[in-house]
Amino acid sequence: MSRDAKEILRILNKDALRVETLQEVTSTNELLLVRGEAGEPEGLILTADRQTAGRGRSGRSFFSPDQTGIYTSILLRPRCSMEQIGKLTPLAAVAVCEVLEEIASCPLQIKWVNDIYSRNRKICGILAQAGKTFTDGIPDCVVLGIGIDLFPTNEGLPKEIEEVAGSLWTDEREVRERKEEPFLKEEILGRLWKRFYELYQNPDDPSCVEYYRSRLLWVGQDICAYDGADGSERTAKLLGVDEDYSLILHFEGETAPAAVRNGEIRIRRRL
């Protein structure tokens, strides 16, 4: 076991969780899905310095340059309803915000359902993927991946994300000082997965929903909602989320608000 993995495990302090660290992978989610399908028990955490084929929502790529971020996934075997499995992403968003706000001392916001923003820039993406094998309609394994941009990249950002992407630390002096901190990434990883696993074991805690609501981006504002099936666009006012983390929208021209579940739409702020 690497020194980095030992440090993460020391912070985790949970017998149910195991850690493997790698320098470069195609995608931590992709590798863990293969391991999950092969029978790997729940609780394996994989983390890498760089991804060559990082995955984002709706099949989009996730930019994962070397040494500037955290790219990590956990293998889960939840035996619960699909509605409960749908809570994994918002639970992870809460864990990310709690831990990063403590470490970086900066306010963060959640763009429903799976992005974390700082200073109006996306700094983190979260992706849950089910395995191919199901029992009684429930996936035998689910992999939850988290990618966090800690520092600006020297490579420059791809054109398609340069207006959106940012990093947790941006000040030149603070970036330099943070990069020199021993085991900074390990501290974040250990605390993050420890907190997530606590929430995972108690997914119906109402305080978690309230926290998510308190960080929700664009509440009370008009947004553009894109239908996941046909790509059509509608204007709506974003009102919040319900107890299951479904987004509550009041669509233009409708008399009453509607709840929209993850996977049905994607949203952006209306300009």
C-alpha atoms as a PDB file:
ATOM      1  CA  MET A   1       0.000   0.000   0.000  1.00  0.00           C
ATOM      2  CA  SER A   2       1.289   3.453  -0.931  1.00  0.00           C
ATOM      3  CA  ARG A   3       2.085   6.110   1.652  1.00  0.00           C
ATOM      4  CA  ASP A   4      -0.729   8.258   0.239  1.00  0.00           C
ATOM      5  CA  ALA A   5      -3.281   5.474   0.615  1.00  0.00           C
ATOM      6  CA  LYS A   6      -2.179   4.865   4.217  1.00  0.00           C
ATOM      7  CA  GLU A   7      -2.686   8.550   5.024  1.00  0.00           C
ATOM      8  CA  ILE A   8      -6.190   8.532   3.504  1.00  0.00           C
ATOM      9  CA  LEU A   9      -7.093   5.397   5.471  1.00  0.00           C
ATOM     10  CA  ARG A  10      -5.801   6.968   8.684  1.00  0.00           C
ATOM     11  CA  ILE A  11      -8.200   9.900   8.216  1.00  0.00           C
ATOM     12  CA  LEU A  12     -11.078   7.683   7.093  1.00  0.00           C
ATOM     13  CA  ASN A  13     -10.787   5.456  10.161  1.00  0.00           C
ATOM     14  CA  LYS A  14     -13.507   3.140   8.802  1.00  0.00           C
ATOM     15  CA  ASP A  15     -12.933  -0.600   8.456  1.00  0.00           C
ATOM     16  CA  ALA A  16     -15.587  -0.825   5.709  1.00  0.00           C
ATOM     17  CA  LEU A  17     -13.554   1.361   3.336  1.00  0.00           C
ATOM     18  CA  ARG A  18     -10.413   0.511   1.378  1.00  0.00           C
ATOM     19  CA  VAL A  19      -8.185   2.747  -0.763  1.00  0.00           C
ATOM     20  CA  GLU A  20      -6.101   2.310  -3.903  1.00  0.00           C
ATOM     21  CA  THR A  21      -4.113   5.189  -5.417  1.00  0.00           C
ATOM     22  CA  LEU A  22      -2.894   5.358  -9.020  1.00  0.00           C
ATOM     23  CA  GLN A  23      -0.983   7.940 -11.037  1.00  0.00           C
ATOM     24  CA  GLU A  24      -2.954   7.756 -14.287  1.00  0.00           C
ATOM     25  CA  VAL A  25      -6.185   6.032 -15.308  1.00  0.00           C
ATOM     26  CA  THR A  26      -8.685   6.308 -18.103  1.00  0.00           C
ATOM     27  CA  SER A  27     -11.492   6.943 -15.611  1.00  0.00           C
ATOM     28  CA  THR A  28     -11.795   5.997 -11.931  1.00  0.00           C
ATOM     29  CA  ASN A  29     -15.503   5.315 -12.493  1.00  0.00           C
ATOM     30  CA  GLU A  30     -14.810   3.076 -15.471  1.00  0.00           C
ATOM     31  CA  LEU A  31     -12.216   0.995 -13.608  1.00  0.00           C
ATOM     32  CA  LEU A  32     -14.403   0.565 -10.534  1.00  0.00           C
ATOM     33  CA  LEU A  33     -17.395  -0.494 -12.623  1.00  0.00           C
ATOM     34  CA  VAL A  34     -15.263  -3.299 -14.040  1.00  0.00           C
ATOM     35  CA  ARG A  35     -14.155  -4.268 -10.536  1.00  0.00           C
ATOM     36  CA  GLY A  36     -17.740  -4.132  -9.320  1.00  0.00           C
ATOM     37  CA  GLU A  37     -18.989  -6.394 -12.100  1.00  0.00           C
ATOM     38  CA  ALA A  38     -16.215  -8.842 -11.168  1.00  0.00           C
ATOM     39  CA  GLY A  39     -17.489  -9.072  -7.589  1.00  0.00           C
ATOM     40  CA  GLU A  40     -15.379  -6.538  -5.684  1.00  0.00           C
ATOM     41  CA  PRO A  41     -17.029  -5.869  -2.278  1.00  0.00           C
ATOM     42  CA  GLU A  42     -18.497  -2.489  -1.376  1.00  0.00           C
ATOM     43  CA  GLY A  43     -16.239   0.213  -0.016  1.00  0.00           C
ATOM     44  CA  LEU A  44     -13.293   0.297  -2.431  1.00  0.00           C
ATOM     45  CA  ILE A  45     -12.119   3.855  -3.118  1.00  0.00           C
ATOM     46  CA  LEU A  46      -9.974   4.543  -6.170  1.00  0.00           C
ATOM     47  CA  THR A  47      -8.119   7.823  -6.633  1.00  0.00           C
ATOM     48  CA  ALA A  48      -5.796   9.016  -9.408  1.00  0.00           C
ATOM     49  CA  ASP A  49      -3.549  11.988 -10.183  1.00  0.00           C
ATOM     50  CA  ARG A  50      -4.786  12.177 -13.751  1.00  0.00           C
ATOM     51  CA  GLN A  51      -7.596  10.805 -15.955  1.00  0.00           C
ATOM     52  CA  THR A  52      -7.248  10.441 -19.687  1.00  0.00           C
ATOM     53  CA  ALA A  53     -10.961   9.761 -20.280  1.00  0.00           C
ATOM     54  CA  GLY A  54     -12.808  11.295 -17.337  1.00  0.00           C
ATOM     55  CA  ARG A  55     -16.595  10.949 -17.531  1.00  0.00           C
ATOM     56  CA  GLY A  56     -19.243  13.613 -16.940  1.00  0.00           C
ATOM     57  CA  ARG A  57     -23.021  13.674 -16.989  1.00  0.00           C
ATOM     58  CA  SER A  58     -24.872  12.771 -20.228  1.00  0.00           C
ATOM     59  CA  GLY A  59     -21.749  11.203 -21.719  1.00  0.00           C
ATOM     60  CA  ARG A  60     -19.716  14.410 -21.652  1.00  0.00           C
ATOM     61  CA  SER A  61     -15.992  14.308 -20.896  1.00  0.00           C
ATOM     62  CA  PHE A  62     -14.520  15.616 -17.646  1.00  0.00           C
ATOM     63  CA  PHE A  63     -11.230  17.523 -18.022  1.00  0.00           C
ATOM     64  CA  SER A  64      -8.749  15.897 -15.605  1.00  0.00           C
ATOM     65  CA  PRO A  65      -5.240  17.388 -15.929  1.00  0.00           C
ATOM     66  CA  ASP A  66      -2.277  16.097 -13.943  1.00  0.00           C
ATOM     67  CA  GLN A  67      -1.678  17.249 -10.355  1.00  0.00           C
ATOM     68  CA  THR A  68      -4.267  20.054 -10.274  1.00  0.00           C
ATOM     69  CA  GLY A  69      -7.262  18.180  -8.933  1.00  0.00           C
ATOM     70  CA  ILE A  70      -8.766  15.195  -7.168  1.00  0.00           C
ATOM     71  CA  TYR A  71     -10.259  12.375  -9.249  1.00  0.00           C
ATOM     72  CA  THR A  72     -11.804   9.672  -7.132  1.00  0.00           C
ATOM     73  CA  SER A  73     -14.607   7.090  -7.046  1.00  0.00           C
ATOM     74  CA  ILE A  74     -16.183   4.695  -4.572  1.00  0.00           C
ATOM     75  CA  LEU A  75     -17.810   1.311  -5.204  1.00  0.00           C
ATOM     76  CA  LEU A  76     -21.189   0.836  -3.516  1.00  0.00           C
ATOM     77  CA  ARG A  77     -23.682  -2.012  -3.347  1.00  0.00           C
ATOM     78  CA  PRO A  78     -26.863  -0.305  -2.110  1.00  0.00           C
ATOM     79  CA  ARG A  79     -29.795  -2.628  -1.443  1.00  0.00           C
ATOM     80  CA  CYS A  80     -32.569  -0.075  -1.573  1.00  0.00           C
ATOM     81  CA  SER A  81     -35.060   1.474  -3.986  1.00  0.00           C
ATOM     82  CA  MET A  82     -34.022   3.357  -7.117  1.00  0.00           C
ATOM     83  CA  GLU A  83     -35.384   6.498  -5.438  1.00  0.00           C
ATOM     84  CA  GLN A  84     -32.876   6.016  -2.621  1.00  0.00           C
ATOM     85  CA  ILE A  85     -30.067   5.357  -5.085  1.00  0.00           C
ATOM     86  CA  GLY A  86     -31.007   8.650  -6.738  1.00  0.00           C
ATOM     87  CA  LYS A  87     -29.998  10.408  -3.508  1.00  0.00           C
ATOM     88  CA  LEU A  88     -26.345   9.375  -3.822  1.00  0.00           C
ATOM     89  CA  THR A  89     -25.386  12.362  -5.975  1.00  0.00           C
ATOM     90  CA  PRO A  90     -26.952  15.050  -3.722  1.00  0.00           C
ATOM     91  CA  LEU A  91     -25.521  13.335  -0.629  1.00  0.00           C
ATOM     92  CA  ALA A  92     -22.084  13.532  -2.240  1.00  0.00           C
ATOM     93  CA  ALA A  93     -22.666  17.205  -3.066  1.00  0.00           C
ATOM     94  CA  VAL A  94     -23.382  17.906   0.596  1.00  0.00           C
ATOM     95  CA  ALA A  95     -20.242  16.049   1.679  1.00  0.00           C
ATOM     96  CA  VAL A  96     -18.100  17.951  -0.847  1.00  0.00           C
ATOM     97  CA  CYS A  97     -19.433  21.336   0.258  1.00  0.00           C
ATOM     98  CA  GLU A  98     -19.073  20.616   3.959  1.00  0.00           C
ATOM     99  CA  VAL A  99     -15.479  19.440   3.670  1.00  0.00           C
ATOM    100  CA  LEU A 100     -14.208  21.982   1.138  1.00  0.00           C
ATOM    101  CA  GLU A 101     -15.809  24.926   2.930  1.00  0.00           C
ATOM    102  CA  GLU A 102     -14.013  23.897   6.129  1.00  0.00           C
ATOM    103  CA  ILE A 103     -10.653  23.399   4.429  1.00  0.00           C
ATOM    104  CA  ALA A 104     -10.741  26.379   2.054  1.00  0.00           C
ATOM    105  CA  SER A 105     -12.859  28.764   4.168  1.00  0.00           C
ATOM    106  CA  CYS A 106     -14.925  29.850   1.179  1.00  0.00           C
ATOM    107  CA  PRO A 107     -18.671  29.585   0.447  1.00  0.00           C
ATOM    108  CA  LEU A 108     -19.769  27.040  -2.144  1.00  0.00           C
ATOM    109  CA  GLN A 109     -23.012  26.478  -4.039  1.00  0.00           C
ATOM    110  CA  ILE A 110     -24.667  23.456  -5.636  1.00  0.00           C
ATOM    111  CA  LYS A 111     -25.944  23.576  -9.199  1.00  0.00           C
ATOM    112  CA  TRP A 112     -28.593  20.888  -9.298  1.00  0.00           C
ATOM    113  CA  VAL A 113     -27.949  18.121  -9.380  1.00  0.00           C
ATOM    114  CA  ASN A 114     -24.272  17.299  -9.562  1.00  0.00           C
ATOM    115  CA  ASP A 115     -22.022  20.379  -9.853  1.00  0.00           C
ATOM    116  CA  ILE A 116     -20.324  22.462  -7.147  1.00  0.00           C
ATOM    117  CA  TYR A 117     -19.623  26.142  -7.807  1.00  0.00           C
ATOM    118  CA  SER A 118     -17.253  28.671  -6.245  1.00  0.00           C
ATOM    119  CA  ARG A 119     -17.219  32.336  -7.278  1.00  0.00           C
ATOM    120  CA  ASN A 120     -19.683  31.533 -10.090  1.00  0.00           C
ATOM    121  CA  ARG A 121     -17.357  28.896 -11.545  1.00  0.00           C
ATOM    122  CA  LYS A 122     -17.735  25.110 -11.575  1.00  0.00           C
ATOM    123  CA  ILE A 123     -15.057  23.471  -9.439  1.00  0.00           C
ATOM    124  CA  CYS A 124     -16.485  19.974  -8.959  1.00  0.00           C
ATOM    125  CA  GLY A 125     -18.560  17.407 -10.813  1.00  0.00           C
ATOM    126  CA  ILE A 126     -20.218  14.296  -9.387  1.00  0.00           C
ATOM    127  CA  LEU A 127     -21.343  11.260 -11.367  1.00  0.00           C
ATOM    128  CA  ALA A 128     -23.141   8.103 -10.208  1.00  0.00           C
ATOM    129  CA  GLN A 129     -23.169   5.143 -12.607  1.00  0.00           C
ATOM    130  CA  ALA A 130     -24.886   1.787 -12.207  1.00  0.00           C
ATOM    131  CA  GLY A 131     -23.358  -1.528 -13.205  1.00  0.00           C
ATOM    132  CA  LYS A 132     -24.845  -3.708 -15.917  1.00  0.00           C
ATOM    133  CA  THR A 133     -26.157  -6.451 -13.605  1.00  0.00           C
ATOM    134  CA  PHE A 134     -29.495  -5.992 -11.808  1.00  0.00           C
ATOM    135  CA  THR A 135     -31.352  -8.005  -9.161  1.00  0.00           C
ATOM    136  CA  ASP A 136     -35.084  -7.338  -8.752  1.00  0.00           C
ATOM    137  CA  GLY A 137     -34.671  -4.115 -10.729  1.00  0.00           C
ATOM    138  CA  ILE A 138     -31.849  -2.796  -8.508  1.00  0.00           C
ATOM    139  CA  PRO A 139     -28.253  -2.531  -9.782  1.00  0.00           C
ATOM    140  CA  ASP A 140     -25.866  -4.917  -8.038  1.00  0.00           C
ATOM    141  CA  CYS A 141     -23.272  -2.152  -7.876  1.00  0.00           C
ATOM    142  CA  VAL A 142     -23.129   1.626  -8.229  1.00  0.00           C
ATOM    143  CA  VAL A 143     -19.982   3.689  -8.654  1.00  0.00           C
ATOM    144  CA  LEU A 144     -19.944   7.288  -7.447  1.00  0.00           C
ATOM    145  CA  GLY A 145     -17.218   9.507  -8.888  1.00  0.00           C
ATOM    146  CA  ILE A 146     -16.095  12.956  -7.772  1.00  0.00           C
ATOM    147  CA  GLY A 147     -13.761  15.285  -9.644  1.00  0.00           C
ATOM    148  CA  ILE A 148     -12.542  18.453  -7.884  1.00  0.00           C
ATOM    149  CA  ASP A 149     -10.463  21.202  -9.489  1.00  0.00           C
ATOM    150  CA  LEU A 150      -8.208  22.425  -6.684  1.00  0.00           C
ATOM    151  CA  PHE A 151      -5.777  24.618  -8.620  1.00  0.00           C
ATOM    152  CA  PRO A 152      -5.659  26.403 -11.990  1.00  0.00           C
ATOM    153  CA  THR A 153      -4.092  24.329 -14.740  1.00  0.00           C
ATOM    154  CA  ASN A 154      -1.003  25.443 -16.633  1.00  0.00           C
ATOM    155  CA  GLU A 155      -2.296  23.634 -19.725  1.00  0.00           C
ATOM    156  CA  GLY A 156      -5.191  26.033 -20.226  1.00  0.00           C
ATOM    157  CA  LEU A 157      -8.820  24.952 -20.331  1.00  0.00           C
ATOM    158  CA  PRO A 158     -10.574  23.378 -23.317  1.00  0.00           C
ATOM    159  CA  LYS A 159     -12.560  25.989 -25.223  1.00  0.00           C
ATOM    160  CA  GLU A 160     -15.920  24.379 -24.421  1.00  0.00           C
ATOM    161  CA  ILE A 161     -15.462  24.879 -20.650  1.00  0.00           C
ATOM    162  CA  GLU A 162     -13.274  27.971 -20.368  1.00  0.00           C
ATOM    163  CA  GLU A 163     -16.262  30.212 -19.572  1.00  0.00           C
ATOM    164  CA  VAL A 164     -17.562  27.857 -16.878  1.00  0.00           C
ATOM    165  CA  ALA A 165     -14.717  25.994 -15.144  1.00  0.00           C
ATOM    166  CA  GLY A 166     -12.712  27.331 -12.221  1.00  0.00           C
ATOM    167  CA  SER A 167     -10.757  26.026  -9.242  1.00  0.00           C
ATOM    168  CA  LEU A 168     -11.120  25.996  -5.481  1.00  0.00           C
ATOM    169  CA  TRP A 169      -8.027  28.133  -5.005  1.00  0.00           C
ATOM    170  CA  THR A 170      -7.218  30.904  -7.481  1.00  0.00           C
ATOM    171  CA  ASP A 171      -5.023  33.455  -5.657  1.00  0.00           C
ATOM    172  CA  GLU A 172      -1.440  32.978  -6.811  1.00  0.00           C
ATOM    173  CA  ARG A 173       0.118  33.092  -3.349  1.00  0.00           C
ATOM    174  CA  GLU A 174      -2.513  30.847  -1.790  1.00  0.00           C
ATOM    175  CA  VAL A 175      -2.175  28.357  -4.645  1.00  0.00           C
ATOM    176  CA  ARG A 176       1.576  28.206  -4.068  1.00  0.00           C
ATOM    177  CA  GLU A 177       1.198  27.769  -0.306  1.00  0.00           C
ATOM    178  CA  ARG A 178      -1.503  25.123  -0.593  1.00  0.00           C
ATOM    179  CA  LYS A 179       0.500  23.107  -3.103  1.00  0.00           C
ATOM    180  CA  GLU A 180       3.338  22.967  -0.576  1.00  0.00           C
ATOM    181  CA  GLU A 181       1.114  21.543   2.183  1.00  0.00           C
ATOM    182  CA  PRO A 182       1.995  17.889   2.864  1.00  0.00           C
ATOM    183  CA  PHE A 183      -0.904  15.477   2.318  1.00  0.00           C
ATOM    184  CA  LEU A 184      -3.427  18.188   1.374  1.00  0.00           C
ATOM    185  CA  LYS A 185      -5.165  15.951  -1.169  1.00  0.00           C
ATOM    186  CA  GLU A 186      -5.116  13.029   1.237  1.00  0.00           C
ATOM    187  CA  GLU A 187      -6.718  15.174   3.925  1.00  0.00           C
ATOM    188  CA  ILE A 188      -9.504  16.203   1.556  1.00  0.00           C
ATOM    189  CA  LEU A 189     -10.030  12.652   0.287  1.00  0.00           C
ATOM    190  CA  GLY A 190     -10.122  11.114   3.743  1.00  0.00           C
ATOM    191  CA  ARG A 191     -12.536  13.654   5.171  1.00  0.00           C
ATOM    192  CA  LEU A 192     -14.701  13.662   2.043  1.00  0.00           C
ATOM    193  CA  TRP A 193     -15.258   9.921   1.822  1.00  0.00           C
ATOM    194  CA  LYS A 194     -15.664   9.618   5.592  1.00  0.00           C
ATOM    195  CA  ARG A 195     -18.442  12.214   5.548  1.00  0.00           C
ATOM    196  CA  PHE A 196     -20.086  10.774   2.445  1.00  0.00           C
ATOM    197  CA  TYR A 197     -20.168   7.266   3.920  1.00  0.00           C
ATOM    198  CA  GLU A 198     -21.851   8.649   7.045  1.00  0.00           C
ATOM    199  CA  LEU A 199     -24.533  10.284   4.896  1.00  0.00           C
ATOM    200  CA  TYR A 200     -24.843   7.154   2.734  1.00  0.00           C
ATOM    201  CA  GLN A 201     -25.694   5.143   5.837  1.00  0.00           C
ATOM    202  CA  ASN A 202     -28.388   7.649   6.854  1.00  0.00           C
ATOM    203  CA  PRO A 203     -29.746   9.010   3.534  1.00  0.00           C
ATOM    204  CA  ASP A 204     -33.071  10.273   4.939  1.00  0.00           C
ATOM    205  CA  ASP A 205     -31.569  12.688   7.455  1.00  0.00           C
ATOM    206  CA  PRO A 206     -33.706  15.860   6.999  1.00  0.00           C
ATOM    207  CA  SER A 207     -30.795  18.108   7.990  1.00  0.00           C
ATOM    208  CA  CYS A 208     -28.989  16.957   4.836  1.00  0.00           C
ATOM    209  CA  VAL A 209     -31.853  18.151   2.617  1.00  0.00           C
ATOM    210  CA  GLU A 210     -31.892  21.489   4.441  1.00  0.00           C
ATOM    211  CA  TYR A 211     -28.160  21.893   3.931  1.00  0.00           C
ATOM    212  CA  TYR A 212     -28.530  21.102   0.229  1.00  0.00           C
ATOM    213  CA  ARG A 213     -31.283  23.713  -0.064  1.00  0.00           C
ATOM    214  CA  SER A 214     -29.141  26.315   1.680  1.00  0.00           C
ATOM    215  CA  ARG A 215     -26.438  25.929  -0.989  1.00  0.00           C
ATOM    216  CA  LEU A 216     -28.701  25.574  -4.031  1.00  0.00           C
ATOM    217  CA  LEU A 217     -27.747  27.853  -6.913  1.00  0.00           C
ATOM    218  CA  TRP A 218     -30.228  30.177  -8.689  1.00  0.00           C
ATOM    219  CA  VAL A 219     -33.139  29.817  -6.249  1.00  0.00           C
ATOM    220  CA  GLY A 220     -35.841  32.351  -7.137  1.00  0.00           C
ATOM    221  CA  GLN A 221     -34.273  33.034 -10.536  1.00  0.00           C
ATOM    222  CA  ASP A 222     -35.393  32.197 -14.064  1.00  0.00           C
ATOM    223  CA  ILE A 223     -33.525  29.305 -15.659  1.00  0.00           C
ATOM    224  CA  CYS A 224     -33.590  27.448 -18.970  1.00  0.00           C
ATOM    225  CA  ALA A 225     -34.576  23.798 -18.624  1.00  0.00           C
ATOM    226  CA  TYR A 226     -33.605  21.381 -21.396  1.00  0.00           C
ATOM    227  CA  ASP A 227     -35.604  18.190 -21.749  1.00  0.00           C
ATOM    228  CA  GLY A 228     -33.314  15.166 -21.620  1.00  0.00           C
ATOM    229  CA  ALA A 229     -35.401  13.230 -24.135  1.00  0.00           C
ATOM    230  CA  ASP A 230     -35.964  15.642 -27.013  1.00  0.00           C
ATOM    231  CA  GLY A 231     -33.693  18.604 -26.215  1.00  0.00           C
ATOM    232  CA  SER A 232     -36.561  21.099 -26.098  1.00  0.00           C
ATOM    233  CA  GLU A 233     -36.067  24.234 -24.004  1.00  0.00           C
ATOM    234  CA  ARG A 234     -38.468  25.870 -21.543  1.00  0.00           C
ATOM    235  CA  THR A 235     -38.177  28.809 -19.181  1.00  0.00           C
ATOM    236  CA  ALA A 236     -38.942  28.254 -15.511  1.00  0.00           C
ATOM    237  CA  LYS A 237     -38.427  29.812 -12.100  1.00  0.00           C
ATOM    238  CA  LEU A 238     -36.297  27.640  -9.819  1.00  0.00           C
ATOM    239  CA  LEU A 239     -38.069  27.278  -6.455  1.00  0.00           C
ATOM    240  CA  GLY A 240     -35.930  24.672  -4.659  1.00  0.00           C
ATOM    241  CA  VAL A 241     -35.877  20.907  -4.076  1.00  0.00           C
ATOM    242  CA  ASP A 242     -38.292  18.547  -2.340  1.00  0.00           C
ATOM    243  CA  GLU A 243     -37.469  15.875   0.266  1.00  0.00           C
ATOM    244  CA  ASP A 244     -36.195  13.512  -2.464  1.00  0.00           C
ATOM    245  CA  TYR A 245     -33.944  16.207  -4.004  1.00  0.00           C
ATOM    246  CA  SER A 246     -36.210  16.547  -7.035  1.00  0.00           C
ATOM    247  CA  LEU A 247     -36.005  20.051  -8.495  1.00  0.00           C
ATOM    248  CA  ILE A 248     -39.095  22.220  -8.039  1.00  0.00           C
ATOM    249  CA  LEU A 249     -39.702  24.409 -11.094  1.00  0.00           C
ATOM    250  CA  HIS A 250     -42.530  26.745 -12.027  1.00  0.00           C
ATOM    251  CA  PHE A 251     -42.582  26.538 -15.798  1.00  0.00           C
ATOM    252  CA  GLU A 252     -43.617  29.580 -17.781  1.00  0.00           C
ATOM    253  CA  GLY A 253     -47.297  29.340 -18.718  1.00  0.00           C
ATOM    254  CA  GLU A 254     -48.125  26.656 -16.103  1.00  0.00           C
ATOM    255  CA  THR A 255     -50.446  27.285 -13.156  1.00  0.00           C
ATOM    256  CA  ALA A 256     -48.555  25.180 -10.583  1.00  0.00           C
ATOM    257  CA  PRO A 257     -44.943  24.152  -9.861  1.00  0.00           C
ATOM    258  CA  ALA A 258     -43.654  20.734 -10.961  1.00  0.00           C
ATOM    259  CA  ALA A 259     -41.062  18.356  -9.516  1.00  0.00           C
ATOM    260  CA  VAL A 260     -38.362  17.149 -11.906  1.00  0.00           C
ATOM    261  CA  ARG A 261     -36.093  14.228 -11.144  1.00  0.00           C
ATOM    262  CA  ASN A 262     -32.441  13.814 -11.959  1.00  0.00           C
ATOM    263  CA  GLY A 263     -31.938  12.612 -15.522  1.00  0.00           C
ATOM    264  CA  GLU A 264     -35.084  14.219 -16.921  1.00  0.00           C
ATOM    265  CA  ILE A 265     -33.618  17.665 -17.577  1.00  0.00           C
ATOM    266  CA  ARG A 266     -30.499  19.793 -17.403  1.00  0.00           C
ATOM    267  CA  ILE A 267     -30.528  23.469 -16.512  1.00  0.00           C
ATOM    268  CA  ARG A 268     -28.612  26.694 -17.035  1.00  0.00           C
ATOM    269  CA  ARG A 269     -29.172  30.226 -15.828  1.00  0.00           C
ATOM    270  CA  ARG A 270     -31.277  32.327 -18.154  1.00  0.00           C
ATOM    271  CA  LEU A 271     -29.253  35.327 -19.378  1.00  0.00           C
END
